Protein backbone atom coordinates (compact mmCIF):
# COMPACT_ATOMS: atom_id res chain seq x y z
CA MET A 1 -56.00 66.16 65.97
CA ASN A 2 -55.89 68.85 68.62
CA ARG A 3 -58.56 71.47 69.23
CA ALA A 4 -56.97 74.11 66.99
CA GLU A 5 -56.61 71.64 64.12
CA ALA A 6 -60.24 70.53 64.51
CA LYS A 7 -61.39 74.14 64.48
CA ALA A 8 -59.38 74.90 61.34
CA MET A 9 -60.65 71.78 59.56
CA ALA A 10 -64.31 72.60 60.30
CA GLU A 11 -64.03 76.27 59.37
CA GLY A 12 -66.55 77.26 56.70
CA LEU A 13 -68.16 73.80 56.80
CA PRO A 14 -71.41 74.06 58.80
CA HIS A 15 -72.09 70.34 58.37
CA SER A 16 -68.62 69.13 59.31
CA TYR A 17 -69.12 66.09 61.53
CA LEU A 18 -66.34 67.42 63.76
CA ARG A 19 -69.07 69.66 65.17
CA VAL A 20 -70.50 66.48 66.72
CA THR A 21 -67.35 64.53 67.61
CA ARG A 22 -65.31 67.59 68.65
CA ALA A 23 -68.07 70.03 69.65
CA GLU A 24 -65.62 72.05 71.78
CA LEU A 25 -64.39 73.68 68.56
CA GLU A 26 -67.55 75.85 68.59
CA LEU A 27 -67.10 76.93 72.21
CA PRO A 28 -64.64 79.45 73.69
CA ASP A 29 -61.16 78.07 74.26
CA SER A 30 -61.67 78.72 77.99
CA VAL A 31 -64.25 75.89 78.06
CA ASP A 32 -62.51 72.62 78.92
CA ALA A 33 -62.91 69.82 76.35
CA TYR A 34 -64.46 67.63 79.10
CA ASP A 35 -66.91 70.28 80.31
CA PRO A 36 -70.57 69.10 80.33
CA LYS A 37 -71.35 71.98 77.95
CA VAL A 38 -69.27 70.23 75.25
CA TYR A 39 -71.33 67.03 75.37
CA ALA A 40 -74.61 68.98 75.46
CA HIS A 41 -73.45 70.99 72.45
CA ALA A 42 -72.57 67.79 70.58
CA ARG A 43 -76.16 66.59 71.15
CA GLU A 44 -77.54 69.91 69.87
CA ASN A 45 -75.43 69.69 66.71
CA LEU A 46 -76.38 66.07 66.03
CA ASP A 47 -80.08 66.84 66.56
CA LYS A 48 -79.80 69.80 64.21
CA MET A 49 -78.15 67.69 61.49
CA ILE A 50 -81.01 65.20 61.79
CA GLU A 51 -83.59 68.00 61.75
CA ASP A 52 -81.98 69.57 58.67
CA GLY A 53 -81.84 66.24 56.83
CA VAL A 54 -78.04 66.14 56.77
CA ILE A 55 -78.31 62.84 58.62
CA ALA A 56 -81.36 60.72 57.74
CA PHE A 57 -82.74 57.56 59.33
CA ASP A 58 -83.16 54.48 57.18
CA LYS A 59 -86.77 53.32 57.20
CA LYS A 60 -85.84 49.89 58.57
CA PRO A 61 -82.88 48.18 60.24
CA CYS A 62 -80.20 47.49 57.62
CA LEU A 63 -76.69 46.15 57.26
CA TYR A 64 -74.04 47.95 55.20
CA VAL A 65 -70.82 47.13 53.41
CA TYR A 66 -68.03 49.71 53.74
CA ARG A 67 -65.07 49.66 51.35
CA GLN A 68 -61.90 51.64 51.96
CA THR A 69 -59.32 52.15 49.23
CA MET A 70 -55.75 53.27 49.98
CA ASN A 71 -52.96 53.30 47.40
CA GLY A 72 -54.82 50.76 45.28
CA ARG A 73 -55.45 48.35 48.19
CA GLU A 74 -59.07 47.64 49.17
CA GLN A 75 -60.63 46.37 52.40
CA TYR A 76 -64.31 45.56 52.88
CA GLY A 77 -66.12 45.63 56.20
CA LEU A 78 -69.62 44.69 57.31
CA VAL A 79 -71.26 47.56 59.21
CA CYS A 80 -73.53 46.24 61.94
CA CYS A 81 -74.33 46.48 65.63
CA VAL A 82 -72.76 44.07 68.10
CA PRO A 83 -74.18 43.12 71.53
CA ALA A 84 -72.60 45.01 74.41
CA ALA A 85 -72.67 41.71 76.31
CA ASP A 86 -70.07 40.36 73.85
CA TYR A 87 -67.61 42.99 75.08
CA PHE A 88 -68.00 41.88 78.70
CA ASN A 89 -68.02 38.12 78.10
CA GLY A 90 -64.92 38.08 75.90
CA THR A 91 -66.59 37.33 72.56
CA ILE A 92 -65.10 40.66 71.50
CA LYS A 93 -61.43 40.30 72.41
CA LYS A 94 -59.19 43.16 73.52
CA HIS A 95 -55.42 43.60 73.31
CA GLU A 96 -54.90 47.09 74.79
CA LEU A 97 -55.49 48.82 78.09
CA THR A 98 -57.74 51.88 78.00
CA ARG A 99 -57.03 55.20 79.68
CA ALA A 100 -59.70 56.05 82.24
CA ASP A 101 -60.02 59.70 81.16
CA LYS A 102 -60.43 58.86 77.46
CA GLU A 103 -62.89 56.07 78.19
CA GLU A 104 -64.95 58.36 80.42
CA ASP A 105 -64.94 61.06 77.75
CA ARG A 106 -66.32 58.68 75.11
CA LEU A 107 -68.91 57.31 77.56
CA ARG A 108 -70.21 60.78 78.35
CA HIS A 109 -70.33 61.56 74.64
CA VAL A 110 -72.41 58.43 73.88
CA LEU A 111 -74.85 59.10 76.71
CA ALA A 112 -75.21 62.81 75.91
CA THR A 113 -75.76 62.34 72.17
CA ASN A 114 -77.75 59.12 72.72
CA ALA A 115 -75.77 57.65 69.84
CA ASN A 116 -72.68 55.78 68.79
CA THR A 117 -71.42 58.65 66.66
CA GLY A 118 -68.58 56.55 65.25
CA PRO A 119 -67.96 52.81 64.73
CA VAL A 120 -65.51 50.43 66.38
CA PHE A 121 -62.99 48.73 64.07
CA LEU A 122 -63.27 44.93 64.56
CA THR A 123 -61.60 42.07 62.71
CA TYR A 124 -62.31 38.35 62.55
CA ARG A 125 -60.92 35.15 61.02
CA ASP A 126 -62.94 34.79 57.82
CA GLN A 127 -64.54 31.40 57.13
CA GLY A 128 -66.44 32.38 54.00
CA GLN A 129 -68.48 35.23 55.49
CA PHE A 130 -67.02 37.73 53.05
CA ASP A 131 -68.35 35.63 50.16
CA VAL A 132 -71.86 36.09 51.56
CA PHE A 133 -71.84 39.89 51.71
CA GLY A 134 -69.27 40.42 48.94
CA ALA A 135 -72.00 40.08 46.27
CA VAL A 136 -73.52 43.32 47.56
CA THR A 137 -70.64 45.29 46.04
CA LYS A 138 -71.89 44.58 42.52
CA ARG A 139 -74.80 46.94 43.19
CA LYS A 140 -74.94 50.72 43.15
CA PRO A 141 -73.46 52.25 46.34
CA VAL A 142 -75.14 54.94 48.41
CA TYR A 143 -71.80 56.72 49.04
CA ASP A 144 -68.74 56.68 46.82
CA PHE A 145 -66.10 59.38 47.17
CA VAL A 146 -62.42 60.11 47.65
CA SER A 147 -61.51 62.26 50.66
CA LYS A 148 -59.54 65.34 49.68
CA GLY A 149 -56.99 65.38 52.47
CA ASP A 150 -55.49 61.93 52.00
CA GLY A 151 -56.85 60.57 48.71
CA PHE A 152 -58.47 57.53 50.37
CA GLY A 153 -61.64 56.12 48.83
CA HIS A 154 -64.82 55.46 50.82
CA THR A 155 -67.75 53.46 49.43
CA VAL A 156 -70.89 52.27 51.22
CA TRP A 157 -73.61 49.86 50.07
CA VAL A 158 -76.94 49.35 51.88
CA ILE A 159 -78.26 45.83 52.53
CA ASP A 160 -82.01 46.17 53.15
CA ASP A 161 -83.34 42.82 51.91
CA ASP A 162 -84.57 40.76 54.87
CA ALA A 163 -83.53 37.40 53.41
CA GLU A 164 -80.06 38.75 52.58
CA ILE A 165 -79.68 40.23 56.06
CA GLU A 166 -80.70 36.94 57.66
CA ALA A 167 -78.26 34.93 55.51
CA ILE A 168 -75.38 37.24 56.51
CA ARG A 169 -76.38 37.21 60.18
CA LYS A 170 -76.56 33.41 60.14
CA SER A 171 -73.15 33.10 58.46
CA PHE A 172 -71.55 35.03 61.32
CA GLU A 173 -72.94 32.61 63.92
CA SER A 174 -70.00 30.33 63.09
CA VAL A 175 -67.47 33.07 63.87
CA PRO A 176 -66.56 32.39 67.53
CA VAL A 177 -64.90 35.72 68.37
CA SER A 178 -63.95 39.09 66.95
CA TYR A 179 -60.97 41.29 67.84
CA ILE A 180 -60.75 45.02 68.43
CA ALA A 181 -58.31 46.26 65.80
CA ASP A 182 -58.80 49.94 66.64
CA GLY A 183 -61.23 51.65 68.99
CA HIS A 184 -60.73 50.19 72.47
CA HIS A 185 -62.06 53.37 74.09
CA ARG A 186 -65.13 53.46 71.84
CA SER A 187 -65.80 49.79 72.56
CA ALA A 188 -65.57 50.29 76.30
CA ALA A 189 -67.77 53.39 76.11
CA GLY A 190 -70.37 51.67 73.91
CA ALA A 191 -70.58 48.68 76.24
CA ARG A 192 -70.68 50.77 79.40
CA ALA A 193 -73.37 53.04 77.95
CA ALA A 194 -75.49 49.95 77.29
CA SER A 195 -75.03 48.79 80.88
CA TYR A 196 -75.95 52.21 82.21
CA ARG A 197 -79.12 52.40 80.13
CA ALA A 198 -80.08 48.84 81.12
CA GLU A 199 -79.67 49.69 84.81
CA GLN A 200 -81.93 52.72 84.37
CA ASN A 201 -84.68 50.58 82.84
CA PRO A 202 -86.30 48.13 85.30
CA LYS A 203 -88.08 46.49 82.35
CA ASN A 204 -84.89 45.94 80.35
CA THR A 205 -85.16 42.78 78.21
CA GLY A 206 -81.80 42.89 76.43
CA ASP A 207 -83.44 43.48 73.04
CA GLU A 208 -83.51 47.27 73.32
CA GLU A 209 -81.46 49.20 70.77
CA TYR A 210 -79.16 50.63 73.45
CA ASN A 211 -77.89 47.11 74.22
CA ARG A 212 -75.85 47.17 71.00
CA PHE A 213 -73.09 49.43 69.67
CA LEU A 214 -71.88 50.30 66.19
CA ALA A 215 -69.01 48.31 64.67
CA ILE A 216 -67.44 47.40 61.34
CA LEU A 217 -66.20 43.82 60.91
CA PHE A 218 -63.27 43.40 58.51
CA PRO A 219 -61.83 40.00 57.53
CA SER A 220 -58.30 39.78 58.95
CA THR A 221 -56.96 38.69 55.54
CA GLN A 222 -57.77 42.13 54.09
CA LEU A 223 -56.18 44.27 56.77
CA LYS A 224 -52.65 45.58 56.95
CA ILE A 225 -50.93 46.88 60.07
CA LEU A 226 -48.39 49.61 59.39
CA ASP A 227 -45.17 50.12 61.32
CA TYR A 228 -45.24 52.29 64.45
CA ASN A 229 -41.80 53.85 64.76
CA ARG A 230 -39.86 55.38 67.65
CA VAL A 231 -37.79 58.58 67.86
CA LEU A 232 -35.61 59.41 70.87
CA LYS A 233 -35.11 62.99 72.05
CA ASP A 234 -31.57 62.44 73.42
CA LEU A 235 -28.93 59.75 73.89
CA ASN A 236 -29.26 59.74 77.69
CA GLY A 237 -25.74 61.11 78.31
CA ARG A 238 -23.96 58.88 75.79
CA THR A 239 -21.94 59.83 72.75
CA PRO A 240 -23.10 58.29 69.44
CA GLU A 241 -20.03 56.01 69.56
CA GLN A 242 -20.88 54.80 73.07
CA LEU A 243 -24.48 54.11 72.11
CA MET A 244 -23.40 52.08 69.08
CA GLU A 245 -21.10 49.95 71.24
CA GLU A 246 -23.97 49.21 73.66
CA LEU A 247 -26.37 48.43 70.80
CA LYS A 248 -23.86 45.86 69.53
CA GLN A 249 -24.46 43.90 72.75
CA VAL A 250 -28.12 43.53 71.75
CA PHE A 251 -28.04 43.42 67.95
CA ASP A 252 -26.03 42.10 65.04
CA ILE A 253 -25.55 45.39 63.17
CA ALA A 254 -24.87 46.06 59.48
CA GLU A 255 -24.73 49.56 57.95
CA LEU A 256 -27.22 50.16 55.12
CA ASP A 257 -26.45 52.15 52.00
CA SER A 258 -29.91 53.77 51.90
CA MET A 259 -33.06 54.46 53.90
CA GLN A 260 -35.20 51.33 54.11
CA SER A 261 -37.71 49.54 56.31
CA PRO A 262 -36.74 46.39 58.22
CA ALA A 263 -36.88 43.35 55.94
CA LYS A 264 -38.22 40.90 58.52
CA GLN A 265 -39.43 40.38 62.04
CA ASN A 266 -36.78 40.69 64.79
CA GLN A 267 -34.98 43.33 62.74
CA VAL A 268 -35.07 47.02 63.68
CA ASN A 269 -33.54 49.67 61.41
CA PHE A 270 -31.72 52.40 63.31
CA TYR A 271 -30.99 55.96 62.12
CA MET A 272 -28.42 58.30 63.66
CA GLY A 273 -25.90 60.80 62.37
CA GLY A 274 -27.05 60.53 58.74
CA HIS A 275 -26.59 56.74 58.62
CA TRP A 276 -29.02 53.80 58.59
CA TYR A 277 -28.22 50.46 60.22
CA ALA A 278 -29.99 47.08 60.06
CA CYS A 279 -30.10 45.79 63.64
CA THR A 280 -31.11 42.15 64.15
CA PHE A 281 -31.76 40.94 67.69
CA LYS A 282 -29.17 38.37 68.76
CA ASP A 283 -30.48 34.80 68.87
CA LYS A 284 -29.92 34.48 72.61
CA PHE A 285 -32.66 37.05 73.23
CA LEU A 286 -35.25 35.20 71.11
CA LYS A 287 -35.58 31.94 73.02
CA ASN A 288 -38.66 30.78 74.98
CA LEU A 289 -40.67 33.95 74.40
CA GLY A 290 -44.42 34.28 74.91
CA PRO A 291 -46.76 36.03 72.43
CA VAL A 292 -46.18 39.50 73.92
CA ASP A 293 -42.47 39.16 74.72
CA SER A 294 -41.73 38.12 71.13
CA LEU A 295 -43.03 41.38 69.66
CA ASP A 296 -40.27 43.61 68.29
CA VAL A 297 -41.70 46.60 70.18
CA ALA A 298 -41.53 44.57 73.43
CA LEU A 299 -37.96 43.41 72.73
CA LEU A 300 -36.85 46.96 71.94
CA GLN A 301 -38.47 48.24 75.13
CA LYS A 302 -36.90 45.54 77.31
CA LEU A 303 -33.41 45.42 75.79
CA VAL A 304 -32.85 49.01 74.61
CA LEU A 305 -35.32 51.68 75.67
CA LYS A 306 -35.44 50.80 79.38
CA PRO A 307 -31.78 49.91 80.07
CA LEU A 308 -30.13 52.43 77.72
CA PHE A 309 -32.59 55.34 77.68
CA ASP A 310 -34.23 54.95 81.13
CA ILE A 311 -37.69 54.81 79.56
CA ASP A 312 -39.83 52.83 82.01
CA ASP A 313 -43.22 53.75 80.53
CA PRO A 314 -43.17 54.84 76.88
CA ARG A 315 -46.68 56.31 77.25
CA THR A 316 -45.53 58.93 79.75
CA SER A 317 -41.80 59.41 79.06
CA LYS A 318 -40.77 62.76 77.59
CA ARG A 319 -37.69 61.13 76.05
CA ILE A 320 -39.59 59.27 73.33
CA ASP A 321 -42.09 60.04 70.61
CA PHE A 322 -43.92 57.83 68.11
CA VAL A 323 -44.36 58.20 64.37
CA GLY A 324 -47.10 56.26 62.57
CA GLY A 325 -46.05 54.38 59.45
CA ILE A 326 -48.39 56.45 57.27
CA ARG A 327 -45.82 59.27 57.56
CA GLY A 328 -43.02 57.19 56.06
CA LEU A 329 -39.38 56.81 57.06
CA GLY A 330 -38.65 60.29 55.73
CA GLU A 331 -40.36 61.68 58.81
CA LEU A 332 -37.82 59.89 61.02
CA VAL A 333 -34.93 61.36 59.04
CA LYS A 334 -36.49 64.81 59.22
CA ARG A 335 -36.97 64.64 63.00
CA VAL A 336 -33.37 63.50 63.58
CA ASP A 337 -31.63 65.70 61.00
CA SER A 338 -33.42 68.80 62.31
CA GLY A 339 -31.96 68.19 65.77
CA GLU A 340 -35.41 67.72 67.31
CA CYS A 341 -34.49 64.09 68.00
CA ALA A 342 -31.19 62.27 68.43
CA CYS A 343 -31.95 58.92 66.79
CA ALA A 344 -34.79 56.78 65.45
CA PHE A 345 -35.85 53.15 65.36
CA ALA A 346 -37.88 51.95 62.36
CA MET A 347 -39.96 48.91 63.32
CA TYR A 348 -41.19 45.88 61.40
CA PRO A 349 -45.00 45.95 61.63
CA THR A 350 -46.84 43.79 64.14
CA THR A 351 -48.89 41.17 62.27
CA LEU A 352 -52.62 40.44 62.57
CA ASP A 353 -51.74 36.89 63.67
CA GLN A 354 -49.65 38.28 66.53
CA LEU A 355 -52.45 40.64 67.56
CA MET A 356 -55.04 37.83 67.59
CA SER A 357 -52.72 35.40 69.40
CA ILE A 358 -52.12 37.95 72.15
CA ALA A 359 -55.84 38.68 72.46
CA ASP A 360 -56.60 34.92 72.51
CA ALA A 361 -54.11 34.50 75.37
CA GLY A 362 -55.85 37.30 77.29
CA GLU A 363 -52.67 39.36 77.27
CA ILE A 364 -52.07 43.05 76.58
CA MET A 365 -49.85 44.48 73.85
CA PRO A 366 -47.25 47.12 74.67
CA PRO A 367 -48.30 50.72 73.94
CA LYS A 368 -48.03 51.94 70.34
CA SER A 369 -47.70 48.46 68.85
CA THR A 370 -50.10 48.82 65.90
CA TRP A 371 -51.03 51.51 63.41
CA PHE A 372 -54.05 50.80 61.22
CA GLU A 373 -54.62 52.79 58.07
CA PRO A 374 -56.91 53.96 56.59
CA LYS A 375 -58.94 55.12 59.56
CA LEU A 376 -62.70 54.64 59.62
CA ARG A 377 -64.59 57.67 58.38
CA ASP A 378 -66.84 59.15 61.07
CA GLY A 379 -70.27 60.47 60.10
CA LEU A 380 -71.08 58.08 57.25
CA LEU A 381 -73.19 55.89 59.54
CA VAL A 382 -74.56 56.70 62.99
CA HIS A 383 -76.35 54.40 65.42
CA THR A 384 -78.87 56.02 67.77
CA LEU A 385 -79.61 54.17 71.00
CA ASP A 386 -83.42 54.41 70.75
């Protein structure tokens, strides 16, 4: 959300956690969002919430189970702290590049507030670990509510029994790696903050609280990646008829009688001029592809967006915009029919297996490849660095 949206959402809510994560909403608009005053104000607001009892410390170190419910589907994550060293040594695997300005912003926020004010979204290949902490969900939760804006459910259970904590911790020793699903900037900031604090402490042992950052580990079998769709602002000097002829060089195309998502991988559904088309990449383009090159978003970029629309970098091009799958295909139709955009490509979602294979190969996914939903709820659990 932008600054104005954050300000509107927090209005009349003195304990809105946006006052910590987006503290600029309480400062004059003339104050830049990256001004040191913003980070100092975030610290003041967090300290005040602790002082007022809005945020309370557990009496001992605990683990937590966090359940999210969206449209009847549930996913359960283990809330814990992970060693910053795991980020640097590759035990926590990445699949995206970070932007220096966003990473620096999150780092300054962590150091100023002396806290991981929000968790990183990690996933792992489950080998029975969920069975160990799944029993916790039979007990009474500490939080259980449905958020008003989107209707998603959020439930949290506390695990404070030492023997139970140890059994869960031990079960995860057999998990060789985890993967960042969402939160590459938070991960980088959490790890860098730990390094900074360690450098400042000549007696650093590695056991200090600041050497860990807050994360939630979800089994990959429970997660679902939504589609991340593309809308184009213009046809780059072509008529609709000319564009269709060029697309036929790349795809086998069949007109659809209704709006629908692609039925399978290597199929992209295209919308223009009130009509939907199923576009399947021709076989000749699908041979001898690596884990990244085989992604539909990579194929579309290489075979369509760059040669036909002159989009070299989709992150910076003004010709393209992206629509998360949570908005539905109707949003693509709306953007095109209104004249705001000229055409749209509906994508088949990237799979968790593809994400993990790319991370395992040490490669980077193209921008805007994955859209995870529901998002993690900030403010439920906070990890202070001391």
